C-alpha atoms as a PDB file:
ATOM      1  CA  UNK A   1      87.341 105.546 123.627  1.00  0.00           C
ATOM      2  CA  UNK A   2      85.106 104.388 120.839  1.00  0.00           C
ATOM      3  CA  UNK A   3      82.041 106.091 119.340  1.00  0.00           C
ATOM      4  CA  UNK A   4      79.023 103.772 118.904  1.00  0.00           C
ATOM      5  CA  UNK A   5      77.769 103.247 115.403  1.00  0.00           C
ATOM      6  CA  UNK A   6      74.313 104.309 116.458  1.00  0.00           C
ATOM      7  CA  UNK A   7      75.666 107.697 117.507  1.00  0.00           C
ATOM      8  CA  UNK A   8      77.538 108.143 114.237  1.00  0.00           C
ATOM      9  CA  UNK A   9      74.379 107.230 112.290  1.00  0.00           C
ATOM     10  CA  UNK A  10      72.320 109.666 114.254  1.00  0.00           C
ATOM     11  CA  UNK A  11      74.831 112.462 113.586  1.00  0.00           C
ATOM     12  CA  UNK A  12      74.839 111.641 109.846  1.00  0.00           C
ATOM     13  CA  UNK A  13      71.089 111.621 109.690  1.00  0.00           C
ATOM     14  CA  UNK A  14      70.879 114.943 111.511  1.00  0.00           C
ATOM     15  CA  UNK A  15      73.658 116.854 109.720  1.00  0.00           C
ATOM     16  CA  UNK A  16      73.485 115.117 106.324  1.00  0.00           C
ATOM     17  CA  UNK A  17      70.352 116.839 104.966  1.00  0.00           C
ATOM     18  CA  UNK A  18      71.896 120.201 105.845  1.00  0.00           C
ATOM     19  CA  UNK A  19      75.517 119.693 104.734  1.00  0.00           C
ATOM     20  CA  UNK A  20      75.112 117.682 101.505  1.00  0.00           C
ATOM     21  CA  UNK A  21      72.977 120.264  99.671  1.00  0.00           C
ATOM     22  CA  UNK A  22      75.325 123.061 100.686  1.00  0.00           C
ATOM     23  CA  UNK A  23      78.299 121.027  99.449  1.00  0.00           C
ATOM     24  CA  UNK A  24      76.541 120.408  96.117  1.00  0.00           C
ATOM     25  CA  UNK A  25      75.664 124.107  95.717  1.00  0.00           C
ATOM     26  CA  UNK A  26      79.254 125.140  96.572  1.00  0.00           C
ATOM     27  CA  UNK A  27      80.738 122.726  94.049  1.00  0.00           C
ATOM     28  CA  UNK A  28      78.374 123.892  91.319  1.00  0.00           C
ATOM     29  CA  UNK A  29      79.128 127.550  92.054  1.00  0.00           C
ATOM     30  CA  UNK A  30      82.870 126.952  91.940  1.00  0.00           C
ATOM     31  CA  UNK A  31      82.539 124.996  88.677  1.00  0.00           C
ATOM     32  CA  UNK A  32      80.349 127.636  87.024  1.00  0.00           C
ATOM     33  CA  UNK A  33      82.612 130.396  88.151  1.00  0.00           C
ATOM     34  CA  UNK A  34      85.566 128.610  86.626  1.00  0.00           C
ATOM     35  CA  UNK A  35      83.756 128.065  83.301  1.00  0.00           C
ATOM     36  CA  UNK A  36      82.706 131.676  82.863  1.00  0.00           C
ATOM     37  CA  UNK A  37      84.811 133.953  80.618  1.00  0.00           C
ATOM     38  CA  UNK A  38      87.139 135.895  82.912  1.00  0.00           C
ATOM     39  CA  UNK A  39      85.902 133.957  85.925  1.00  0.00           C
ATOM     40  CA  UNK A  40      88.836 131.561  86.125  1.00  0.00           C
ATOM     41  CA  UNK A  41      90.432 128.809  84.184  1.00  0.00           C
ATOM     42  CA  UNK A  42      88.293 126.680  81.944  1.00  0.00           C
ATOM     43  CA  UNK A  43      87.762 122.979  82.675  1.00  0.00           C
ATOM     44  CA  UNK A  44      90.092 120.931  80.483  1.00  0.00           C
ATOM     45  CA  UNK A  45      90.526 117.220  79.796  1.00  0.00           C
ATOM     46  CA  UNK A  46      92.972 115.358  82.052  1.00  0.00           C
ATOM     47  CA  UNK A  47      96.233 114.712  80.215  1.00  0.00           C
ATOM     48  CA  UNK A  48      97.002 111.126  79.310  1.00  0.00           C
ATOM     49  CA  UNK A  49     100.064 110.796  81.603  1.00  0.00           C
ATOM     50  CA  UNK A  50      98.037 112.032  84.576  1.00  0.00           C
ATOM     51  CA  UNK A  51      95.347 109.539  83.727  1.00  0.00           C
ATOM     52  CA  UNK A  52      97.919 106.760  84.099  1.00  0.00           C
ATOM     53  CA  UNK A  53      98.902 108.158  87.496  1.00  0.00           C
ATOM     54  CA  UNK A  54      95.248 108.243  88.565  1.00  0.00           C
ATOM     55  CA  UNK A  55      94.846 104.682  87.312  1.00  0.00           C
ATOM     56  CA  UNK A  56      97.836 103.659  89.490  1.00  0.00           C
ATOM     57  CA  UNK A  57      96.364 105.286  92.570  1.00  0.00           C
ATOM     58  CA  UNK A  58      92.911 103.849  91.978  1.00  0.00           C
ATOM     59  CA  UNK A  59      94.444 100.448  91.420  1.00  0.00           C
ATOM     60  CA  UNK A  60      96.153 100.624  94.756  1.00  0.00           C
ATOM     61  CA  UNK A  61      92.841 101.715  96.292  1.00  0.00           C
ATOM     62  CA  UNK A  62      91.096  98.693  94.838  1.00  0.00           C
ATOM     63  CA  UNK A  63      93.780  96.275  96.067  1.00  0.00           C
ATOM     64  CA  UNK A  64      93.718  97.766  99.585  1.00  0.00           C
ATOM     65  CA  UNK A  65      89.961  97.631  99.841  1.00  0.00           C
ATOM     66  CA  UNK A  66      89.773  94.086  98.470  1.00  0.00           C
ATOM     67  CA  UNK A  67      92.365  92.909 100.994  1.00  0.00           C
ATOM     68  CA  UNK A  68      90.592  94.727 103.824  1.00  0.00           C
ATOM     69  CA  UNK A  69      87.022  93.671 103.031  1.00  0.00           C
ATOM     70  CA  UNK A  70      87.260  90.181 101.513  1.00  0.00           C
ATOM     71  CA  UNK A  71      87.613  87.587 104.282  1.00  0.00           C
ATOM     72  CA  UNK A  72      89.370  85.128 102.041  1.00  0.00           C
ATOM     73  CA  UNK A  73      92.313  87.488 101.624  1.00  0.00           C
ATOM     74  CA  UNK A  74      92.890  87.994 105.361  1.00  0.00           C
ATOM     75  CA  UNK A  75      95.224  85.817 107.483  1.00  0.00           C
ATOM     76  CA  UNK A  76      93.421  83.014 109.166  1.00  0.00           C
ATOM     77  CA  UNK A  77      92.241  83.463 112.738  1.00  0.00           C
ATOM     78  CA  UNK A  78      92.171  79.990 114.214  1.00  0.00           C
ATOM     79  CA  UNK A  79      89.991  81.005 117.141  1.00  0.00           C
ATOM     80  CA  UNK A  80      87.322  82.353 114.870  1.00  0.00           C
ATOM     81  CA  UNK A  81      87.748  79.425 112.455  1.00  0.00           C
ATOM     82  CA  UNK A  82      87.185  76.898 115.187  1.00  0.00           C
ATOM     83  CA  UNK A  83      84.830  79.068 117.279  1.00  0.00           C
ATOM     84  CA  UNK A  84      86.952  78.479 120.273  1.00  0.00           C
ATOM     85  CA  UNK A  85      87.598  80.616 123.353  1.00  0.00           C
ATOM     86  CA  UNK A  86      91.121  81.615 124.483  1.00  0.00           C
ATOM     87  CA  UNK A  87      91.234  79.238 127.435  1.00  0.00           C
ATOM     88  CA  UNK A  88      90.617  76.120 125.367  1.00  0.00           C
ATOM     89  CA  UNK A  89      93.251  73.371 125.751  1.00  0.00           C
ATOM     90  CA  UNK A  90      95.909  73.330 122.997  1.00  0.00           C
ATOM     91  CA  UNK A  91      95.164  69.736 121.912  1.00  0.00           C
ATOM     92  CA  UNK A  92      91.416  70.416 121.595  1.00  0.00           C
ATOM     93  CA  UNK A  93      92.031  73.625 119.686  1.00  0.00           C
ATOM     94  CA  UNK A  94      94.294  72.034 117.075  1.00  0.00           C
ATOM     95  CA  UNK A  95      92.186  68.853 116.849  1.00  0.00           C
ATOM     96  CA  UNK A  96      89.291  71.113 115.847  1.00  0.00           C
ATOM     97  CA  UNK A  97      91.581  72.910 113.364  1.00  0.00           C
ATOM     98  CA  UNK A  98      92.801  69.571 111.908  1.00  0.00           C
ATOM     99  CA  UNK A  99      89.210  68.526 111.335  1.00  0.00           C
ATOM    100  CA  UNK A 100      88.795  71.591 109.108  1.00  0.00           C
ATOM    101  CA  UNK A 101      91.981  70.974 107.123  1.00  0.00           C
ATOM    102  CA  UNK A 102      92.035  68.883 103.895  1.00  0.00           C
ATOM    103  CA  UNK A 103      92.860  65.370 104.818  1.00  0.00           C
ATOM    104  CA  UNK A 104      92.666  66.091 108.530  1.00  0.00           C
ATOM    105  CA  UNK A 105      96.360  67.101 108.664  1.00  0.00           C
ATOM    106  CA  UNK A 106      97.758  70.280 110.137  1.00  0.00           C
ATOM    107  CA  UNK A 107      99.959  72.527 108.060  1.00  0.00           C
ATOM    108  CA  UNK A 108     103.583  73.518 108.921  1.00  0.00           C
ATOM    109  CA  UNK A 109     102.351  76.885 110.280  1.00  0.00           C
ATOM    110  CA  UNK A 110      99.713  75.078 112.363  1.00  0.00           C
ATOM    111  CA  UNK A 111     102.450  72.919 113.926  1.00  0.00           C
ATOM    112  CA  UNK A 112     104.584  75.997 114.580  1.00  0.00           C
ATOM    113  CA  UNK A 113     101.694  77.769 116.266  1.00  0.00           C
ATOM    114  CA  UNK A 114     100.931  74.615 118.274  1.00  0.00           C
ATOM    115  CA  UNK A 115     104.514  74.667 119.570  1.00  0.00           C
ATOM    116  CA  UNK A 116     104.258  78.363 120.487  1.00  0.00           C
ATOM    117  CA  UNK A 117     100.911  78.070 122.319  1.00  0.00           C
ATOM    118  CA  UNK A 118     102.472  77.115 125.614  1.00  0.00           C
ATOM    119  CA  UNK A 119     100.510  79.537 127.773  1.00  0.00           C
ATOM    120  CA  UNK A 120      97.813  82.251 127.714  1.00  0.00           C
ATOM    121  CA  UNK A 121     100.450  84.914 127.043  1.00  0.00           C
ATOM    122  CA  UNK A 122     101.328  83.440 123.684  1.00  0.00           C
ATOM    123  CA  UNK A 123      97.669  83.385 122.677  1.00  0.00           C
ATOM    124  CA  UNK A 124      97.323  87.039 123.676  1.00  0.00           C
ATOM    125  CA  UNK A 125     100.367  87.910 121.557  1.00  0.00           C
ATOM    126  CA  UNK A 126      98.821  85.925 118.709  1.00  0.00           C
ATOM    127  CA  UNK A 127      95.826  88.216 118.797  1.00  0.00           C
ATOM    128  CA  UNK A 128      98.087  91.311 118.790  1.00  0.00           C
ATOM    129  CA  UNK A 129     100.677  90.383 116.125  1.00  0.00           C
ATOM    130  CA  UNK A 130      98.903  87.731 114.026  1.00  0.00           C
ATOM    131  CA  UNK A 131      99.766  84.133 113.005  1.00  0.00           C
ATOM    132  CA  UNK A 132     102.770  84.847 110.760  1.00  0.00           C
ATOM    133  CA  UNK A 133     104.746  86.689 113.392  1.00  0.00           C
ATOM    134  CA  UNK A 134     104.098  84.193 116.136  1.00  0.00           C
ATOM    135  CA  UNK A 135     104.850  81.186 113.952  1.00  0.00           C
ATOM    136  CA  UNK A 136     107.810  82.474 111.922  1.00  0.00           C
ATOM    137  CA  UNK A 137     109.831  84.557 114.391  1.00  0.00           C
ATOM    138  CA  UNK A 138     112.991  82.604 115.236  1.00  0.00           C
ATOM    139  CA  UNK A 139     114.149  84.696 118.222  1.00  0.00           C
ATOM    140  CA  UNK A 140     110.840  85.682 119.896  1.00  0.00           C
ATOM    141  CA  UNK A 141     109.407  84.263 123.060  1.00  0.00           C
ATOM    142  CA  UNK A 142     106.440  85.012 125.250  1.00  0.00           C
ATOM    143  CA  UNK A 143     108.655  86.231 128.095  1.00  0.00           C
ATOM    144  CA  UNK A 144     109.866  89.122 125.902  1.00  0.00           C
ATOM    145  CA  UNK A 145     106.754  90.553 124.209  1.00  0.00           C
ATOM    146  CA  UNK A 146     108.736  93.388 122.700  1.00  0.00           C
ATOM    147  CA  UNK A 147     110.656  90.904 120.601  1.00  0.00           C
ATOM    148  CA  UNK A 148     107.515  90.166 118.634  1.00  0.00           C
ATOM    149  CA  UNK A 149     107.132  93.888 117.998  1.00  0.00           C
ATOM    150  CA  UNK A 150     110.617  94.198 116.569  1.00  0.00           C
ATOM    151  CA  UNK A 151     109.914  91.257 114.248  1.00  0.00           C
ATOM    152  CA  UNK A 152     106.523  92.641 113.200  1.00  0.00           C
ATOM    153  CA  UNK A 153     107.590  96.228 112.441  1.00  0.00           C
ATOM    154  CA  UNK A 154     109.403  95.561 109.120  1.00  0.00           C
ATOM    155  CA  UNK A 155     106.375  93.804 107.632  1.00  0.00           C
ATOM    156  CA  UNK A 156     104.101  96.541 108.983  1.00  0.00           C
ATOM    157  CA  UNK A 157     106.191  99.253 107.480  1.00  0.00           C
ATOM    158  CA  UNK A 158     106.563  97.399 104.143  1.00  0.00           C
ATOM    159  CA  UNK A 159     102.891  98.052 103.345  1.00  0.00           C
ATOM    160  CA  UNK A 160     103.398 101.769 104.068  1.00  0.00           C
ATOM    161  CA  UNK A 161     106.584 101.884 102.077  1.00  0.00           C
ATOM    162  CA  UNK A 162     104.919 100.278  99.047  1.00  0.00           C
ATOM    163  CA  UNK A 163     102.070 102.795  99.245  1.00  0.00           C
ATOM    164  CA  UNK A 164     104.589 105.623  99.741  1.00  0.00           C
ATOM    165  CA  UNK A 165     106.360 104.532  96.549  1.00  0.00           C
ATOM    166  CA  UNK A 166     103.023 104.624  94.694  1.00  0.00           C
ATOM    167  CA  UNK A 167     102.248 108.080  96.071  1.00  0.00           C
ATOM    168  CA  UNK A 168     105.791 109.362  95.189  1.00  0.00           C
ATOM    169  CA  UNK A 169     105.492 107.972  91.660  1.00  0.00           C
ATOM    170  CA  UNK A 170     102.011 109.454  91.077  1.00  0.00           C
ATOM    171  CA  UNK A 171     103.149 112.964  92.306  1.00  0.00           C
ATOM    172  CA  UNK A 172     106.516 113.084  90.567  1.00  0.00           C
ATOM    173  CA  UNK A 173     106.964 116.221  88.449  1.00  0.00           C
ATOM    174  CA  UNK A 174     108.410 114.108  85.596  1.00  0.00           C
ATOM    175  CA  UNK A 175     105.124 112.166  85.298  1.00  0.00           C
ATOM    176  CA  UNK A 176     102.316 114.410  86.418  1.00  0.00           C
ATOM    177  CA  UNK A 177     103.885 117.828  86.176  1.00  0.00           C
ATOM    178  CA  UNK A 178     102.900 120.618  88.516  1.00  0.00           C
ATOM    179  CA  UNK A 179      99.403 119.136  89.034  1.00  0.00           C
ATOM    180  CA  UNK A 180     100.777 116.163  90.890  1.00  0.00           C
ATOM    181  CA  UNK A 181     103.974 117.761  92.302  1.00  0.00           C
ATOM    182  CA  UNK A 182     102.004 120.329  94.225  1.00  0.00           C
ATOM    183  CA  UNK A 183     100.488 117.545  96.353  1.00  0.00           C
ATOM    184  CA  UNK A 184     103.749 115.651  96.850  1.00  0.00           C
ATOM    185  CA  UNK A 185     104.699 117.109 100.208  1.00  0.00           C
ATOM    186  CA  UNK A 186     101.186 116.868 101.826  1.00  0.00           C
ATOM    187  CA  UNK A 187     100.850 113.260 100.582  1.00  0.00           C
ATOM    188  CA  UNK A 188     104.254 112.343 101.851  1.00  0.00           C
ATOM    189  CA  UNK A 189     103.548 113.839 105.294  1.00  0.00           C
ATOM    190  CA  UNK A 190     100.153 112.064 105.443  1.00  0.00           C
ATOM    191  CA  UNK A 191     101.720 108.736 104.448  1.00  0.00           C
ATOM    192  CA  UNK A 192     104.467 109.227 107.101  1.00  0.00           C
ATOM    193  CA  UNK A 193     101.861 110.103 109.751  1.00  0.00           C
ATOM    194  CA  UNK A 194      99.885 106.975 108.972  1.00  0.00           C
ATOM    195  CA  UNK A 195     103.006 104.812 109.256  1.00  0.00           C
ATOM    196  CA  UNK A 196     104.020 106.375 112.574  1.00  0.00           C
ATOM    197  CA  UNK A 197     100.504 106.120 113.969  1.00  0.00           C
ATOM    198  CA  UNK A 198     100.210 102.459 112.880  1.00  0.00           C
ATOM    199  CA  UNK A 199     103.537 101.566 114.555  1.00  0.00           C
ATOM    200  CA  UNK A 200     102.527 103.477 117.673  1.00  0.00           C
ATOM    201  CA  UNK A 201      99.228 101.732 117.988  1.00  0.00           C
ATOM    202  CA  UNK A 202     100.846  98.300 117.545  1.00  0.00           C
ATOM    203  CA  UNK A 203     103.537  99.055 120.113  1.00  0.00           C
ATOM    204  CA  UNK A 204     101.195 100.614 122.672  1.00  0.00           C
ATOM    205  CA  UNK A 205      98.382  98.095 122.473  1.00  0.00           C
ATOM    206  CA  UNK A 206      97.688  96.349 125.781  1.00  0.00           C
ATOM    207  CA  UNK A 207      97.396  92.706 124.838  1.00  0.00           C
ATOM    208  CA  UNK A 208      96.610  91.751 128.415  1.00  0.00           C
ATOM    209  CA  UNK A 209      93.152  93.208 128.012  1.00  0.00           C
ATOM    210  CA  UNK A 210      91.986  90.000 126.349  1.00  0.00           C
ATOM    211  CA  UNK A 211      93.048  87.860 129.346  1.00  0.00           C
ATOM    212  CA  UNK A 212      89.715  88.505 131.066  1.00  0.00           C
ATOM    213  CA  UNK A 213      87.590  87.582 128.003  1.00  0.00           C
ATOM    214  CA  UNK A 214      85.792  84.360 128.709  1.00  0.00           C
ATOM    215  CA  UNK A 215      83.803  84.212 125.481  1.00  0.00           C
ATOM    216  CA  UNK A 216      84.914  84.493 121.907  1.00  0.00           C
ATOM    217  CA  UNK A 217      82.691  87.501 121.263  1.00  0.00           C
ATOM    218  CA  UNK A 218      84.391  89.358 124.089  1.00  0.00           C
ATOM    219  CA  UNK A 219      87.860  88.964 122.510  1.00  0.00           C
ATOM    220  CA  UNK A 220      89.379  91.939 120.688  1.00  0.00           C
ATOM    221  CA  UNK A 221      91.057  90.607 117.605  1.00  0.00           C
ATOM    222  CA  UNK A 222      93.506  93.499 117.387  1.00  0.00           C
ATOM    223  CA  UNK A 223      95.674  92.229 114.520  1.00  0.00           C
ATOM    224  CA  UNK A 224      92.839  91.688 112.102  1.00  0.00           C
ATOM    225  CA  UNK A 225      91.095  94.990 113.058  1.00  0.00           C
ATOM    226  CA  UNK A 226      94.394  96.940 112.741  1.00  0.00           C
ATOM    227  CA  UNK A 227      95.116  95.271 109.382  1.00  0.00           C
ATOM    228  CA  UNK A 228      91.734  96.228 107.997  1.00  0.00           C
ATOM    229  CA  UNK A 229      92.009  99.803 109.413  1.00  0.00           C
ATOM    230  CA  UNK A 230      95.509 100.146 107.938  1.00  0.00           C
ATOM    231  CA  UNK A 231      94.370  99.067 104.474  1.00  0.00           C
ATOM    232  CA  UNK A 232      91.280 101.279 104.547  1.00  0.00           C
ATOM    233  CA  UNK A 233      93.357 104.284 105.651  1.00  0.00           C
ATOM    234  CA  UNK A 234      95.852 103.781 102.838  1.00  0.00           C
ATOM    235  CA  UNK A 235      93.001 103.414 100.389  1.00  0.00           C
ATOM    236  CA  UNK A 236      91.422 106.583 101.716  1.00  0.00           C
ATOM    237  CA  UNK A 237      94.745 108.477 101.396  1.00  0.00           C
ATOM    238  CA  UNK A 238      95.256 107.332  97.787  1.00  0.00           C
ATOM    239  CA  UNK A 239      91.648 108.054  96.848  1.00  0.00           C
ATOM    240  CA  UNK A 240      91.899 111.558  98.304  1.00  0.00           C
ATOM    241  CA  UNK A 241      95.202 112.127  96.478  1.00  0.00           C
ATOM    242  CA  UNK A 242      93.706 110.902  93.247  1.00  0.00           C
ATOM    243  CA  UNK A 243      90.768 113.291  93.617  1.00  0.00           C
ATOM    244  CA  UNK A 244      93.021 116.230  94.344  1.00  0.00           C
ATOM    245  CA  UNK A 245      95.198 115.529  91.369  1.00  0.00           C
ATOM    246  CA  UNK A 246      92.144 115.096  89.145  1.00  0.00           C
ATOM    247  CA  UNK A 247      90.586 118.324  90.284  1.00  0.00           C
ATOM    248  CA  UNK A 248      93.776 120.325  89.793  1.00  0.00           C
ATOM    249  CA  UNK A 249      94.703 118.701  86.439  1.00  0.00           C
ATOM    250  CA  UNK A 250      91.210 119.272  85.011  1.00  0.00           C
ATOM    251  CA  UNK A 251      91.146 122.814  86.541  1.00  0.00           C
ATOM    252  CA  UNK A 252      87.910 122.165  88.346  1.00  0.00           C
ATOM    253  CA  UNK A 253      89.500 123.364  91.580  1.00  0.00           C
ATOM    254  CA  UNK A 254      92.813 124.463  93.123  1.00  0.00           C
ATOM    255  CA  UNK A 255      93.699 126.505  90.038  1.00  0.00           C
ATOM    256  CA  UNK A 256      96.817 128.596  90.436  1.00  0.00           C
ATOM    257  CA  UNK A 257      97.317 131.624  88.182  1.00  0.00           C
ATOM    258  CA  UNK A 258     100.648 131.710  86.366  1.00  0.00           C
ATOM    259  CA  UNK A 259     103.439 133.687  87.973  1.00  0.00           C
ATOM    260  CA  UNK A 260     104.841 136.820  86.301  1.00  0.00           C
ATOM    261  CA  UNK A 261     107.941 134.859  85.319  1.00  0.00           C
ATOM    262  CA  UNK A 262     105.746 132.197  83.649  1.00  0.00           C
ATOM    263  CA  UNK A 263     103.736 134.846  81.850  1.00  0.00           C
ATOM    264  CA  UNK A 264     106.905 136.529  80.524  1.00  0.00           C
ATOM    265  CA  UNK A 265     108.277 133.183  79.478  1.00  0.00           C
ATOM    266  CA  UNK A 266     105.016 132.314  77.662  1.00  0.00           C
ATOM    267  CA  UNK A 267     104.940 135.719  75.963  1.00  0.00           C
ATOM    268  CA  UNK A 268     108.530 135.249  74.867  1.00  0.00           C
ATOM    269  CA  UNK A 269     107.817 131.868  73.374  1.00  0.00           C
ATOM    270  CA  UNK A 270     104.795 133.260  71.565  1.00  0.00           C
ATOM    271  CA  UNK A 271     106.866 136.095  70.135  1.00  0.00           C
ATOM    272  CA  UNK A 272     109.533 133.687  68.998  1.00  0.00           C
ATOM    273  CA  UNK A 273     106.915 131.553  67.241  1.00  0.00           C
ATOM    274  CA  UNK A 274     105.486 134.657  65.502  1.00  0.00           C
ATOM    275  CA  UNK A 275     109.029 135.735  64.466  1.00  0.00           C
ATOM    276  CA  UNK A 276     109.796 132.347  63.002  1.00  0.00           C
ATOM    277  CA  UNK A 277     106.542 132.324  61.047  1.00  0.00           C
ATOM    278  CA  UNK A 278     107.236 135.871  59.740  1.00  0.00           C
ATOM    279  CA  UNK A 279     110.743 134.808  58.748  1.00  0.00           C
ATOM    280  CA  UNK A 280     109.325 131.821  56.951  1.00  0.00           C
ATOM    281  CA  UNK A 281     106.852 134.082  55.062  1.00  0.00           C
ATOM    282  CA  UNK A 282     109.724 136.396  54.121  1.00  0.00           C
ATOM    283  CA  UNK A 283     111.770 133.493  52.839  1.00  0.00           C
ATOM    284  CA  UNK A 284     108.897 132.245  50.755  1.00  0.00           C
ATOM    285  CA  UNK A 285     108.151 135.717  49.373  1.00  0.00           C
ATOM    286  CA  UNK A 286     111.799 136.363  48.552  1.00  0.00           C
ATOM    287  CA  UNK A 287     112.020 133.024  46.740  1.00  0.00           C
ATOM    288  CA  UNK A 288     108.883 133.790  44.772  1.00  0.00           C
ATOM    289  CA  UNK A 289     110.150 137.205  43.687  1.00  0.00           C
ATOM    290  CA  UNK A 290     113.573 135.862  42.624  1.00  0.00           C
ATOM    291  CA  UNK A 291     112.143 132.959  40.536  1.00  0.00           C
ATOM    292  CA  UNK A 292     110.851 133.928  37.118  1.00  0.00           C
ATOM    293  CA  UNK A 293     108.122 131.306  37.003  1.00  0.00           C
ATOM    294  CA  UNK A 294     106.891 131.933  40.514  1.00  0.00           C
ATOM    295  CA  UNK A 295     106.941 135.706  40.021  1.00  0.00           C
ATOM    296  CA  UNK A 296     104.869 135.313  36.829  1.00  0.00           C
ATOM    297  CA  UNK A 297     102.359 133.119  38.658  1.00  0.00           C
ATOM    298  CA  UNK A 298     102.150 135.628  41.486  1.00  0.00           C
ATOM    299  CA  UNK A 299     101.515 138.539  39.068  1.00  0.00           C
ATOM    300  CA  UNK A 300      98.920 136.429  37.230  1.00  0.00           C
ATOM    301  CA  UNK A 301      97.151 135.666  40.498  1.00  0.00           C
ATOM    302  CA  UNK A 302      96.994 139.305  41.531  1.00  0.00           C
ATOM    303  CA  UNK A 303      95.948 140.465  38.151  1.00  0.00           C
ATOM    304  CA  UNK A 304      93.114 137.920  38.242  1.00  0.00           C
ATOM    305  CA  UNK A 305      92.213 139.036  41.775  1.00  0.00           C
ATOM    306  CA  UNK A 306      92.092 142.664  40.742  1.00  0.00           C
ATOM    307  CA  UNK A 307      89.884 141.885  37.758  1.00  0.00           C
ATOM    308  CA  UNK A 308      87.457 139.879  39.876  1.00  0.00           C
ATOM    309  CA  UNK A 309      87.208 142.493  42.574  1.00  0.00           C
ATOM    310  CA  UNK A 310      86.762 145.210  39.911  1.00  0.00           C
ATOM    311  CA  UNK A 311      83.882 143.324  38.371  1.00  0.00           C
ATOM    312  CA  UNK A 312      82.323 142.746  41.753  1.00  0.00           C
ATOM    313  CA  UNK A 313      82.589 146.348  42.699  1.00  0.00           C
ATOM    314  CA  UNK A 314      80.974 147.462  39.479  1.00  0.00           C
ATOM    315  CA  UNK A 315      77.796 145.487  40.138  1.00  0.00           C
ATOM    316  CA  UNK A 316      74.711 147.549  40.882  1.00  0.00           C
ATOM    317  CA  UNK A 317      73.821 145.840  44.185  1.00  0.00           C
ATOM    318  CA  UNK A 318      77.358 146.312  45.484  1.00  0.00           C
ATOM    319  CA  UNK A 319      77.475 149.987  44.442  1.00  0.00           C
ATOM    320  CA  UNK A 320      74.153 150.682  46.174  1.00  0.00           C
ATOM    321  CA  UNK A 321      75.272 148.809  49.324  1.00  0.00           C
ATOM    322  CA  UNK A 322      78.493 150.782  49.486  1.00  0.00           C
ATOM    323  CA  UNK A 323      76.726 154.107  48.997  1.00  0.00           C
ATOM    324  CA  UNK A 324      74.216 153.232  51.631  1.00  0.00           C
ATOM    325  CA  UNK A 325      76.924 152.267  54.086  1.00  0.00           C
ATOM    326  CA  UNK A 326      78.901 155.444  53.384  1.00  0.00           C
ATOM    327  CA  UNK A 327      75.834 157.584  53.822  1.00  0.00           C
ATOM    328  CA  UNK A 328      74.302 156.051  56.945  1.00  0.00           C
ATOM    329  CA  UNK A 329      76.502 153.631  58.854  1.00  0.00           C
ATOM    330  CA  UNK A 330      80.176 154.478  58.279  1.00  0.00           C
ATOM    331  CA  UNK A 331      81.947 157.630  59.442  1.00  0.00           C
ATOM    332  CA  UNK A 332      84.652 158.126  56.901  1.00  0.00           C
ATOM    333  CA  UNK A 333      86.248 160.961  58.881  1.00  0.00           C
ATOM    334  CA  UNK A 334      86.820 158.684  61.842  1.00  0.00           C
ATOM    335  CA  UNK A 335      88.211 155.908  59.632  1.00  0.00           C
ATOM    336  CA  UNK A 336      90.586 158.356  57.982  1.00  0.00           C
ATOM    337  CA  UNK A 337      91.826 159.707  61.323  1.00  0.00           C
ATOM    338  CA  UNK A 338      92.405 156.179  62.578  1.00  0.00           C
ATOM    339  CA  UNK A 339      94.277 155.227  59.425  1.00  0.00           C
ATOM    340  CA  UNK A 340      96.467 158.289  59.652  1.00  0.00           C
ATOM    341  CA  UNK A 341      97.248 157.654  63.353  1.00  0.00           C
ATOM    342  CA  UNK A 342      98.164 154.027  62.565  1.00  0.00           C
ATOM    343  CA  UNK A 343     100.391 155.088  59.665  1.00  0.00           C
ATOM    344  CA  UNK A 344     102.174 157.652  61.895  1.00  0.00           C
ATOM    345  CA  UNK A 345     102.670 155.000  64.580  1.00  0.00           C
ATOM    346  CA  UNK A 346     104.239 152.579  62.134  1.00  0.00           C
ATOM    347  CA  UNK A 347     106.284 155.086  60.142  1.00  0.00           C
ATOM    348  CA  UNK A 348     107.541 157.400  62.899  1.00  0.00           C
ATOM    349  CA  UNK A 349     110.113 154.995  64.351  1.00  0.00           C
ATOM    350  CA  UNK A 350     111.506 154.386  60.878  1.00  0.00           C
ATOM    351  CA  UNK A 351     111.731 158.129  60.158  1.00  0.00           C
ATOM    352  CA  UNK A 352     113.481 158.737  63.462  1.00  0.00           C
ATOM    353  CA  UNK A 353     115.957 155.943  62.711  1.00  0.00           C
ATOM    354  CA  UNK A 354     116.706 157.403  59.250  1.00  0.00           C
ATOM    355  CA  UNK A 355     117.138 160.848  60.778  1.00  0.00           C
ATOM    356  CA  UNK A 356     119.638 159.537  63.353  1.00  0.00           C
ATOM    357  CA  UNK A 357     121.594 157.735  60.655  1.00  0.00           C
ATOM    358  CA  UNK A 358     121.811 160.904  58.544  1.00  0.00           C
ATOM    359  CA  UNK A 359     123.010 162.967  61.549  1.00  0.00           C
ATOM    360  CA  UNK A 360     125.723 160.399  62.319  1.00  0.00           C
ATOM    361  CA  UNK A 361     126.884 160.500  58.707  1.00  0.00           C
END
């Protein structure tokens, strides 16, 4: 069952004006919510390693689309090339083909196809499996159509395996981290489904349906249509995967909050970094106090600082500003209470520790 293009176009024209604005509004709302403080993770640049993975996927997309859409990259269809119907005599068909070849000579594959075109069944199998399978298979014959399927399956699955390798590489945790690894299983399942569906369609296709076609326009060129559909499907899968990885890596969508274990680990690393910095400050201060020259420079600096601050505090404008702040804007009682509470919080553990040490002694 096939849906006519006119019906698809009518559905797009009917639903497009309603769905596209809603999709744009939804995307903008999600993006604005993610960029608000407290509303989610902020949008961030895509890391360089993930950009390489995206470039790999988009490169595969470009190759697949080029091979699917450019006629010069597709295997030759001798019936289309010579504008001949299926029932044409073999000699007439290949004489027409030879007239189109450089020098009027057939190629080795042309000669192999000519030897295989012994009946209508072989031509029908040519439309199902393509020229390479029909010409190169050493054990196939038209009386056993399944033999062509067995020979064609490895080449068919090779394209899916190559794409599967690219998908696995682009979603490996070692290359793209969690942003790519989270899509690894869905992408692998989708790639496997495409491979199984492609093999099933090839094996279940009824090549005898073309036997009743009297004109070239009535012939279903299954091999070329299936090849184009396969490449477009692989390109669509890789493009979708690249979009998902880009959205998750840039935190535009599919943002996962860190787990409690990840938060604890991040807090622990932050505390270790602070501790190392404090230890470094202590080492520098201890070194400065033990060295006569450094200690003298430190005393000179603080003496100079005290003198400058004293001179600044004695200026009339500064004194008036301080008095005005103390009288109108600053509650000294509140500041004193906060300072006393802070001092008690800092000193109380030390006092308790000293008391416990004295009791033990």
